[in-house]
Amino acid sequence: MKRMNIGYIFAAAALLTAPVSYASEDFYGTIESRPKGNAGIWVVGGRNLDVTDRTRFVEEYGPLSVGACVEVEIDGRVVKKIASEEKRKCAK
């Protein structure tokens, strides 16, 4: 039977118990689907977003409806803001 180096075991254990950190990001995308209310799963730019009642909604450039271009602000795993944007921001 092959013996494992104990250092590898400790290194693997450290990686498995290390806290996970999520970066903040902003991105533009088109709303593909959304729930009837605000809270729930939104699909924006091909990404599933878990939106809560703590998310801020801004409709400066029109309503947040399917087909609208939006900017999404995420802090860690929390969707902080969804704001309507000019269509050109979502043009590819």
PDB file of N, CA and C in Angstrom:
ATOM      1  N   MET A   1       0.838  -1.180   0.000  1.00  0.00           N
ATOM      2  CA  MET A   1       0.000   0.000   0.000  1.00  0.00           C
ATOM      3  C   MET A   1       0.882   1.242   0.000  1.00  0.00           C
ATOM      4  N   LYS A   2       0.538   2.206  -0.844  1.00  0.00           N
ATOM      5  CA  LYS A   2       1.328   3.421  -0.995  1.00  0.00           C
ATOM      6  C   LYS A   2       1.012   4.388   0.151  1.00  0.00           C
ATOM      7  N   ARG A   3       2.053   5.012   0.706  1.00  0.00           N
ATOM      8  CA  ARG A   3       1.863   5.965   1.805  1.00  0.00           C
ATOM      9  C   ARG A   3       1.749   7.377   1.256  1.00  0.00           C
ATOM     10  N   MET A   4       0.831   8.170   1.810  1.00  0.00           N
ATOM     11  CA  MET A   4       0.666   9.566   1.400  1.00  0.00           C
ATOM     12  C   MET A   4       1.506  10.471   2.287  1.00  0.00           C
ATOM     13  N   ASN A   5       2.021  11.506   1.713  1.00  0.00           N
ATOM     14  CA  ASN A   5       2.757  12.513   2.457  1.00  0.00           C
ATOM     15  C   ASN A   5       1.768  13.274   3.336  1.00  0.00           C
ATOM     16  N   ILE A   6       2.039  13.356   4.630  1.00  0.00           N
ATOM     17  CA  ILE A   6       1.134  14.016   5.568  1.00  0.00           C
ATOM     18  C   ILE A   6       0.961  15.494   5.240  1.00  0.00           C
ATOM     19  N   GLY A   7       1.986  16.108   4.632  1.00  0.00           N
ATOM     20  CA  GLY A   7       1.887  17.520   4.236  1.00  0.00           C
ATOM     21  C   GLY A   7       0.776  17.750   3.223  1.00  0.00           C
ATOM     22  N   TYR A   8       0.614  16.818   2.286  1.00  0.00           N
ATOM     23  CA  TYR A   8      -0.460  16.933   1.305  1.00  0.00           C
ATOM     24  C   TYR A   8      -1.830  16.857   1.967  1.00  0.00           C
ATOM     25  N   ILE A   9      -1.935  16.016   2.972  1.00  0.00           N
ATOM     26  CA  ILE A   9      -3.214  15.877   3.675  1.00  0.00           C
ATOM     27  C   ILE A   9      -3.561  17.172   4.391  1.00  0.00           C
ATOM     28  N   PHE A  10      -2.601  17.787   5.088  1.00  0.00           N
ATOM     29  CA  PHE A  10      -2.852  19.042   5.790  1.00  0.00           C
ATOM     30  C   PHE A  10      -3.152  20.178   4.821  1.00  0.00           C
ATOM     31  N   ALA A  11      -2.472  20.216   3.698  1.00  0.00           N
ATOM     32  CA  ALA A  11      -2.725  21.253   2.694  1.00  0.00           C
ATOM     33  C   ALA A  11      -4.136  21.111   2.137  1.00  0.00           C
ATOM     34  N   ALA A  12      -4.548  19.900   1.845  1.00  0.00           N
ATOM     35  CA  ALA A  12      -5.899  19.678   1.328  1.00  0.00           C
ATOM     36  C   ALA A  12      -6.942  20.062   2.363  1.00  0.00           C
ATOM     37  N   ALA A  13      -6.709  19.736   3.621  1.00  0.00           N
ATOM     38  CA  ALA A  13      -7.651  20.083   4.689  1.00  0.00           C
ATOM     39  C   ALA A  13      -7.759  21.596   4.838  1.00  0.00           C
ATOM     40  N   ALA A  14      -6.647  22.293   4.718  1.00  0.00           N
ATOM     41  CA  ALA A  14      -6.667  23.754   4.826  1.00  0.00           C
ATOM     42  C   ALA A  14      -7.477  24.372   3.701  1.00  0.00           C
ATOM     43  N   LEU A  15      -7.345  23.857   2.503  1.00  0.00           N
ATOM     44  CA  LEU A  15      -8.121  24.377   1.376  1.00  0.00           C
ATOM     45  C   LEU A  15      -9.609  24.138   1.554  1.00  0.00           C
ATOM     46  N   LEU A  16      -9.970  23.000   2.082  1.00  0.00           N
ATOM     47  CA  LEU A  16     -11.376  22.661   2.255  1.00  0.00           C
ATOM     48  C   LEU A  16     -12.043  23.461   3.361  1.00  0.00           C
ATOM     49  N   THR A  17     -11.278  23.933   4.337  1.00  0.00           N
ATOM     50  CA  THR A  17     -11.860  24.678   5.451  1.00  0.00           C
ATOM     51  C   THR A  17     -11.663  26.183   5.332  1.00  0.00           C
ATOM     52  N   ALA A  18     -10.982  26.645   4.293  1.00  0.00           N
ATOM     53  CA  ALA A  18     -10.753  28.077   4.106  1.00  0.00           C
ATOM     54  C   ALA A  18     -12.072  28.765   3.785  1.00  0.00           C
ATOM     55  N   PRO A  19     -12.283  29.986   4.316  1.00  0.00           N
ATOM     56  CA  PRO A  19     -13.523  30.697   4.005  1.00  0.00           C
ATOM     57  C   PRO A  19     -13.581  31.046   2.523  1.00  0.00           C
ATOM     58  N   VAL A  20     -14.765  30.993   1.965  1.00  0.00           N
ATOM     59  CA  VAL A  20     -14.954  31.314   0.559  1.00  0.00           C
ATOM     60  C   VAL A  20     -15.272  32.800   0.459  1.00  0.00           C
ATOM     61  N   SER A  21     -14.570  33.508  -0.398  1.00  0.00           N
ATOM     62  CA  SER A  21     -14.868  34.924  -0.596  1.00  0.00           C
ATOM     63  C   SER A  21     -15.384  35.127  -2.020  1.00  0.00           C
ATOM     64  N   TYR A  22     -16.363  35.955  -2.144  1.00  0.00           N
ATOM     65  CA  TYR A  22     -16.958  36.246  -3.437  1.00  0.00           C
ATOM     66  C   TYR A  22     -16.703  37.710  -3.753  1.00  0.00           C
ATOM     67  N   ALA A  23     -16.283  37.971  -4.963  1.00  0.00           N
ATOM     68  CA  ALA A  23     -15.956  39.324  -5.368  1.00  0.00           C
ATOM     69  C   ALA A  23     -17.214  40.115  -5.697  1.00  0.00           C
ATOM     70  N   SER A  24     -17.075  41.411  -5.678  1.00  0.00           N
ATOM     71  CA  SER A  24     -18.143  42.297  -6.121  1.00  0.00           C
ATOM     72  C   SER A  24     -17.993  42.505  -7.616  1.00  0.00           C
ATOM     73  N   GLU A  25     -19.113  42.683  -8.292  1.00  0.00           N
ATOM     74  CA  GLU A  25     -19.042  42.927  -9.730  1.00  0.00           C
ATOM     75  C   GLU A  25     -20.276  43.661 -10.205  1.00  0.00           C
ATOM     76  N   ASP A  26     -20.133  44.322 -11.319  1.00  0.00           N
ATOM     77  CA  ASP A  26     -21.240  44.958 -12.029  1.00  0.00           C
ATOM     78  C   ASP A  26     -21.219  44.403 -13.438  1.00  0.00           C
ATOM     79  N   PHE A  27     -22.399  44.182 -14.020  1.00  0.00           N
ATOM     80  CA  PHE A  27     -22.451  43.767 -15.414  1.00  0.00           C
ATOM     81  C   PHE A  27     -23.740  44.254 -16.052  1.00  0.00           C
ATOM     82  N   TYR A  28     -23.727  44.331 -17.385  1.00  0.00           N
ATOM     83  CA  TYR A  28     -24.901  44.710 -18.168  1.00  0.00           C
ATOM     84  C   TYR A  28     -25.458  43.466 -18.843  1.00  0.00           C
ATOM     85  N   GLY A  29     -26.775  43.403 -18.947  1.00  0.00           N
ATOM     86  CA  GLY A  29     -27.411  42.286 -19.626  1.00  0.00           C
ATOM     87  C   GLY A  29     -28.872  42.585 -19.876  1.00  0.00           C
ATOM     88  N   THR A  30     -29.494  41.740 -20.656  1.00  0.00           N
ATOM     89  CA  THR A  30     -30.911  41.874 -20.974  1.00  0.00           C
ATOM     90  C   THR A  30     -31.711  40.949 -20.069  1.00  0.00           C
ATOM     91  N   ILE A  31     -32.820  41.456 -19.539  1.00  0.00           N
ATOM     92  CA  ILE A  31     -33.688  40.628 -18.703  1.00  0.00           C
ATOM     93  C   ILE A  31     -34.345  39.585 -19.598  1.00  0.00           C
ATOM     94  N   GLU A  32     -34.106  38.322 -19.287  1.00  0.00           N
ATOM     95  CA  GLU A  32     -34.688  37.220 -20.062  1.00  0.00           C
ATOM     96  C   GLU A  32     -35.945  36.680 -19.385  1.00  0.00           C
ATOM     97  N   SER A  33     -35.966  36.677 -18.068  1.00  0.00           N
ATOM     98  CA  SER A  33     -37.168  36.315 -17.319  1.00  0.00           C
ATOM     99  C   SER A  33     -37.043  36.885 -15.918  1.00  0.00           C
ATOM    100  N   ARG A  34     -38.191  37.027 -15.279  1.00  0.00           N
ATOM    101  CA  ARG A  34     -38.233  37.540 -13.911  1.00  0.00           C
ATOM    102  C   ARG A  34     -39.545  37.109 -13.280  1.00  0.00           C
ATOM    103  N   PRO A  35     -39.611  37.100 -11.950  1.00  0.00           N
ATOM    104  CA  PRO A  35     -40.854  36.726 -11.283  1.00  0.00           C
ATOM    105  C   PRO A  35     -41.894  37.841 -11.393  1.00  0.00           C
ATOM    106  N   LYS A  36     -43.128  37.549 -11.025  1.00  0.00           N
ATOM    107  CA  LYS A  36     -44.183  38.574 -11.060  1.00  0.00           C
ATOM    108  C   LYS A  36     -43.866  39.730 -10.127  1.00  0.00           C
ATOM    109  N   GLY A  37     -43.388  39.416  -8.934  1.00  0.00           N
ATOM    110  CA  GLY A  37     -42.952  40.459  -8.007  1.00  0.00           C
ATOM    111  C   GLY A  37     -41.480  40.730  -8.240  1.00  0.00           C
ATOM    112  N   ASN A  38     -40.858  41.371  -7.283  1.00  0.00           N
ATOM    113  CA  ASN A  38     -39.430  41.650  -7.441  1.00  0.00           C
ATOM    114  C   ASN A  38     -38.540  40.526  -6.923  1.00  0.00           C
ATOM    115  N   ALA A  39     -38.920  39.914  -5.805  1.00  0.00           N
ATOM    116  CA  ALA A  39     -38.083  38.871  -5.204  1.00  0.00           C
ATOM    117  C   ALA A  39     -38.266  37.550  -5.949  1.00  0.00           C
ATOM    118  N   GLY A  40     -37.158  36.843  -6.127  1.00  0.00           N
ATOM    119  CA  GLY A  40     -37.188  35.552  -6.800  1.00  0.00           C
ATOM    120  C   GLY A  40     -36.031  35.442  -7.764  1.00  0.00           C
ATOM    121  N   ILE A  41     -36.109  34.472  -8.647  1.00  0.00           N
ATOM    122  CA  ILE A  41     -35.033  34.236  -9.611  1.00  0.00           C
ATOM    123  C   ILE A  41     -35.259  35.071 -10.867  1.00  0.00           C
ATOM    124  N   TRP A  42     -34.297  35.922 -11.172  1.00  0.00           N
ATOM    125  CA  TRP A  42     -34.262  36.699 -12.406  1.00  0.00           C
ATOM    126  C   TRP A  42     -33.204  36.058 -13.292  1.00  0.00           C
ATOM    127  N   VAL A  43     -33.437  36.046 -14.602  1.00  0.00           N
ATOM    128  CA  VAL A  43     -32.410  35.618 -15.541  1.00  0.00           C
ATOM    129  C   VAL A  43     -32.018  36.853 -16.349  1.00  0.00           C
ATOM    130  N   VAL A  44     -30.764  37.258 -16.197  1.00  0.00           N
ATOM    131  CA  VAL A  44     -30.246  38.454 -16.859  1.00  0.00           C
ATOM    132  C   VAL A  44     -28.951  38.076 -17.562  1.00  0.00           C
ATOM    133  N   GLY A  45     -28.907  38.282 -18.856  1.00  0.00           N
ATOM    134  CA  GLY A  45     -27.699  37.980 -19.617  1.00  0.00           C
ATOM    135  C   GLY A  45     -27.266  36.533 -19.475  1.00  0.00           C
ATOM    136  N   GLY A  46     -28.222  35.615 -19.362  1.00  0.00           N
ATOM    137  CA  GLY A  46     -27.905  34.209 -19.243  1.00  0.00           C
ATOM    138  C   GLY A  46     -27.522  33.753 -17.842  1.00  0.00           C
ATOM    139  N   ARG A  47     -27.592  34.651 -16.871  1.00  0.00           N
ATOM    140  CA  ARG A  47     -27.218  34.319 -15.496  1.00  0.00           C
ATOM    141  C   ARG A  47     -28.451  34.289 -14.601  1.00  0.00           C
ATOM    142  N   ASN A  48     -28.553  33.275 -13.762  1.00  0.00           N
ATOM    143  CA  ASN A  48     -29.628  33.205 -12.769  1.00  0.00           C
ATOM    144  C   ASN A  48     -29.226  34.036 -11.559  1.00  0.00           C
ATOM    145  N   LEU A  49     -30.095  34.959 -11.176  1.00  0.00           N
ATOM    146  CA  LEU A  49     -29.822  35.838 -10.036  1.00  0.00           C
ATOM    147  C   LEU A  49     -30.893  35.636  -8.979  1.00  0.00           C
ATOM    148  N   ASP A  50     -30.475  35.422  -7.748  1.00  0.00           N
ATOM    149  CA  ASP A  50     -31.407  35.271  -6.630  1.00  0.00           C
ATOM    150  C   ASP A  50     -31.632  36.659  -6.033  1.00  0.00           C
ATOM    151  N   VAL A  51     -32.711  37.299  -6.452  1.00  0.00           N
ATOM    152  CA  VAL A  51     -33.026  38.677  -6.062  1.00  0.00           C
ATOM    153  C   VAL A  51     -33.933  38.649  -4.835  1.00  0.00           C
ATOM    154  N   THR A  52     -33.635  39.491  -3.868  1.00  0.00           N
ATOM    155  CA  THR A  52     -34.418  39.540  -2.635  1.00  0.00           C
ATOM    156  C   THR A  52     -35.149  40.872  -2.511  1.00  0.00           C
ATOM    157  N   ASP A  53     -35.930  40.996  -1.446  1.00  0.00           N
ATOM    158  CA  ASP A  53     -36.620  42.264  -1.206  1.00  0.00           C
ATOM    159  C   ASP A  53     -35.665  43.332  -0.687  1.00  0.00           C
ATOM    160  N   ARG A  54     -34.396  42.986  -0.493  1.00  0.00           N
ATOM    161  CA  ARG A  54     -33.380  43.973  -0.095  1.00  0.00           C
ATOM    162  C   ARG A  54     -32.674  44.576  -1.306  1.00  0.00           C
ATOM    163  N   THR A  55     -32.932  44.022  -2.492  1.00  0.00           N
ATOM    164  CA  THR A  55     -32.337  44.539  -3.723  1.00  0.00           C
ATOM    165  C   THR A  55     -32.989  45.877  -4.052  1.00  0.00           C
ATOM    166  N   ARG A  56     -32.184  46.824  -4.526  1.00  0.00           N
ATOM    167  CA  ARG A  56     -32.699  48.136  -4.929  1.00  0.00           C
ATOM    168  C   ARG A  56     -32.999  48.105  -6.422  1.00  0.00           C
ATOM    169  N   PHE A  57     -34.130  48.690  -6.814  1.00  0.00           N
ATOM    170  CA  PHE A  57     -34.559  48.699  -8.205  1.00  0.00           C
ATOM    171  C   PHE A  57     -34.655  50.139  -8.691  1.00  0.00           C
ATOM    172  N   VAL A  58     -34.045  50.406  -9.859  1.00  0.00           N
ATOM    173  CA  VAL A  58     -34.038  51.750 -10.430  1.00  0.00           C
ATOM    174  C   VAL A  58     -34.560  51.661 -11.856  1.00  0.00           C
ATOM    175  N   GLU A  59     -35.581  52.459 -12.182  1.00  0.00           N
ATOM    176  CA  GLU A  59     -36.190  52.420 -13.511  1.00  0.00           C
ATOM    177  C   GLU A  59     -36.019  53.750 -14.251  1.00  0.00           C
ATOM    178  N   GLU A  60     -34.830  54.299 -14.204  1.00  0.00           N
ATOM    179  CA  GLU A  60     -34.538  55.585 -14.843  1.00  0.00           C
ATOM    180  C   GLU A  60     -34.695  55.527 -16.367  1.00  0.00           C
ATOM    181  N   TYR A  61     -34.320  54.417 -16.989  1.00  0.00           N
ATOM    182  CA  TYR A  61     -34.373  54.291 -18.448  1.00  0.00           C
ATOM    183  C   TYR A  61     -35.512  53.383 -18.911  1.00  0.00           C
ATOM    184  N   GLY A  62     -36.514  53.223 -18.100  1.00  0.00           N
ATOM    185  CA  GLY A  62     -37.672  52.421 -18.474  1.00  0.00           C
ATOM    186  C   GLY A  62     -37.941  51.320 -17.466  1.00  0.00           C
ATOM    187  N   PRO A  63     -39.056  50.611 -17.663  1.00  0.00           N
ATOM    188  CA  PRO A  63     -39.441  49.571 -16.703  1.00  0.00           C
ATOM    189  C   PRO A  63     -38.511  48.356 -16.759  1.00  0.00           C
ATOM    190  N   LEU A  64     -38.426  47.660 -15.654  1.00  0.00           N
ATOM    191  CA  LEU A  64     -37.607  46.450 -15.549  1.00  0.00           C
ATOM    192  C   LEU A  64     -38.437  45.260 -16.022  1.00  0.00           C
ATOM    193  N   SER A  65     -38.653  45.207 -17.325  1.00  0.00           N
ATOM    194  CA  SER A  65     -39.458  44.141 -17.916  1.00  0.00           C
ATOM    195  C   SER A  65     -38.584  43.286 -18.824  1.00  0.00           C
ATOM    196  N   VAL A  66     -39.111  42.119 -19.197  1.00  0.00           N
ATOM    197  CA  VAL A  66     -38.374  41.212 -20.083  1.00  0.00           C
ATOM    198  C   VAL A  66     -37.990  41.963 -21.359  1.00  0.00           C
ATOM    199  N   GLY A  67     -36.731  41.850 -21.739  1.00  0.00           N
ATOM    200  CA  GLY A  67     -36.203  42.528 -22.922  1.00  0.00           C
ATOM    201  C   GLY A  67     -35.475  43.820 -22.608  1.00  0.00           C
ATOM    202  N   ALA A  68     -35.623  44.331 -21.383  1.00  0.00           N
ATOM    203  CA  ALA A  68     -34.966  45.580 -20.996  1.00  0.00           C
ATOM    204  C   ALA A  68     -33.480  45.346 -20.722  1.00  0.00           C
ATOM    205  N   CYS A  69     -32.677  46.334 -21.077  1.00  0.00           N
ATOM    206  CA  CYS A  69     -31.256  46.327 -20.751  1.00  0.00           C
ATOM    207  C   CYS A  69     -31.108  46.833 -19.318  1.00  0.00           C
ATOM    208  N   VAL A  70     -30.309  46.129 -18.507  1.00  0.00           N
ATOM    209  CA  VAL A  70     -30.117  46.527 -17.116  1.00  0.00           C
ATOM    210  C   VAL A  70     -28.655  46.425 -16.714  1.00  0.00           C
ATOM    211  N   GLU A  71     -28.315  47.178 -15.698  1.00  0.00           N
ATOM    212  CA  GLU A  71     -27.033  47.022 -15.012  1.00  0.00           C
ATOM    213  C   GLU A  71     -27.336  46.321 -13.699  1.00  0.00           C
ATOM    214  N   VAL A  72     -26.541  45.304 -13.382  1.00  0.00           N
ATOM    215  CA  VAL A  72     -26.713  44.548 -12.141  1.00  0.00           C
ATOM    216  C   VAL A  72     -25.475  44.757 -11.286  1.00  0.00           C
ATOM    217  N   GLU A  73     -25.691  45.100 -10.020  1.00  0.00           N
ATOM    218  CA  GLU A  73     -24.593  45.235  -9.071  1.00  0.00           C
ATOM    219  C   GLU A  73     -24.692  44.092  -8.068  1.00  0.00           C
ATOM    220  N   ILE A  74     -23.604  43.329  -7.954  1.00  0.00           N
ATOM    221  CA  ILE A  74     -23.557  42.197  -7.042  1.00  0.00           C
ATOM    222  C   ILE A  74     -22.420  42.421  -6.053  1.00  0.00           C
ATOM    223  N   ASP A  75     -22.691  42.204  -4.779  1.00  0.00           N
ATOM    224  CA  ASP A  75     -21.673  42.297  -3.741  1.00  0.00           C
ATOM    225  C   ASP A  75     -21.589  40.927  -3.077  1.00  0.00           C
ATOM    226  N   GLY A  76     -20.540  40.214  -3.401  1.00  0.00           N
ATOM    227  CA  GLY A  76     -20.441  38.838  -2.922  1.00  0.00           C
ATOM    228  C   GLY A  76     -21.432  37.981  -3.674  1.00  0.00           C
ATOM    229  N   ARG A  77     -22.392  37.441  -2.966  1.00  0.00           N
ATOM    230  CA  ARG A  77     -23.440  36.648  -3.612  1.00  0.00           C
ATOM    231  C   ARG A  77     -24.780  37.366  -3.559  1.00  0.00           C
ATOM    232  N   VAL A  78     -24.787  38.623  -3.107  1.00  0.00           N
ATOM    233  CA  VAL A  78     -26.016  39.385  -2.925  1.00  0.00           C
ATOM    234  C   VAL A  78     -26.212  40.363  -4.087  1.00  0.00           C
ATOM    235  N   VAL A  79     -27.389  40.304  -4.714  1.00  0.00           N
ATOM    236  CA  VAL A  79     -27.720  41.265  -5.765  1.00  0.00           C
ATOM    237  C   VAL A  79     -28.139  42.555  -5.066  1.00  0.00           C
ATOM    238  N   LYS A  80     -27.301  43.581  -5.181  1.00  0.00           N
ATOM    239  CA  LYS A  80     -27.547  44.857  -4.503  1.00  0.00           C
ATOM    240  C   LYS A  80     -28.504  45.753  -5.283  1.00  0.00           C
ATOM    241  N   LYS A  81     -28.320  45.800  -6.631  1.00  0.00           N
ATOM    242  CA  LYS A  81     -29.126  46.733  -7.422  1.00  0.00           C
ATOM    243  C   LYS A  81     -29.338  46.202  -8.822  1.00  0.00           C
ATOM    244  N   ILE A  82     -30.538  46.454  -9.345  1.00  0.00           N
ATOM    245  CA  ILE A  82     -30.847  46.224 -10.755  1.00  0.00           C
ATOM    246  C   ILE A  82     -31.411  47.539 -11.274  1.00  0.00           C
ATOM    247  N   ALA A  83     -30.767  48.104 -12.288  1.00  0.00           N
ATOM    248  CA  ALA A  83     -31.170  49.400 -12.821  1.00  0.00           C
ATOM    249  C   ALA A  83     -31.330  49.322 -14.332  1.00  0.00           C
ATOM    250  N   SER A  84     -32.436  49.884 -14.837  1.00  0.00           N
ATOM    251  CA  SER A  84     -32.621  49.928 -16.290  1.00  0.00           C
ATOM    252  C   SER A  84     -31.533  50.809 -16.893  1.00  0.00           C
ATOM    253  N   GLU A  85     -31.139  50.472 -18.109  1.00  0.00           N
ATOM    254  CA  GLU A  85     -30.072  51.193 -18.800  1.00  0.00           C
ATOM    255  C   GLU A  85     -30.446  51.420 -20.252  1.00  0.00           C
ATOM    256  N   GLU A  86     -29.668  52.238 -20.935  1.00  0.00           N
ATOM    257  CA  GLU A  86     -29.863  52.464 -22.367  1.00  0.00           C
ATOM    258  C   GLU A  86     -29.571  51.181 -23.117  1.00  0.00           C
ATOM    259  N   LYS A  87     -30.342  50.888 -24.159  1.00  0.00           N
ATOM    260  CA  LYS A  87     -30.184  49.638 -24.943  1.00  0.00           C
ATOM    261  C   LYS A  87     -28.753  49.465 -25.445  1.00  0.00           C
ATOM    262  N   ARG A  88     -28.069  50.541 -25.796  1.00  0.00           N
ATOM    263  CA  ARG A  88     -26.716  50.450 -26.356  1.00  0.00           C
ATOM    264  C   ARG A  88     -25.726  49.808 -25.394  1.00  0.00           C
ATOM    265  N   LYS A  89     -25.990  49.878 -24.079  1.00  0.00           N
ATOM    266  CA  LYS A  89     -25.092  49.276 -23.096  1.00  0.00           C
ATOM    267  C   LYS A  89     -25.125  47.748 -23.171  1.00  0.00           C
ATOM    268  N   CYS A  90     -26.204  47.183 -23.734  1.00  0.00           N
ATOM    269  CA  CYS A  90     -26.326  45.722 -23.845  1.00  0.00           C
ATOM    270  C   CYS A  90     -26.028  45.229 -25.242  1.00  0.00           C
ATOM    271  N   ALA A  91     -25.756  46.157 -26.171  1.00  0.00           N
ATOM    272  CA  ALA A  91     -25.459  45.763 -27.560  1.00  0.00           C
ATOM    273  C   ALA A  91     -24.136  45.006 -27.587  1.00  0.00           C
ATOM    274  N   LYS A  92     -24.075  43.965 -28.409  1.00  0.00           N
ATOM    275  CA  LYS A  92     -22.851  43.165 -28.485  1.00  0.00           C
ATOM    276  C   LYS A  92     -22.025  43.531 -29.670  1.00  0.00           C
TER     277      LYS A  92
END
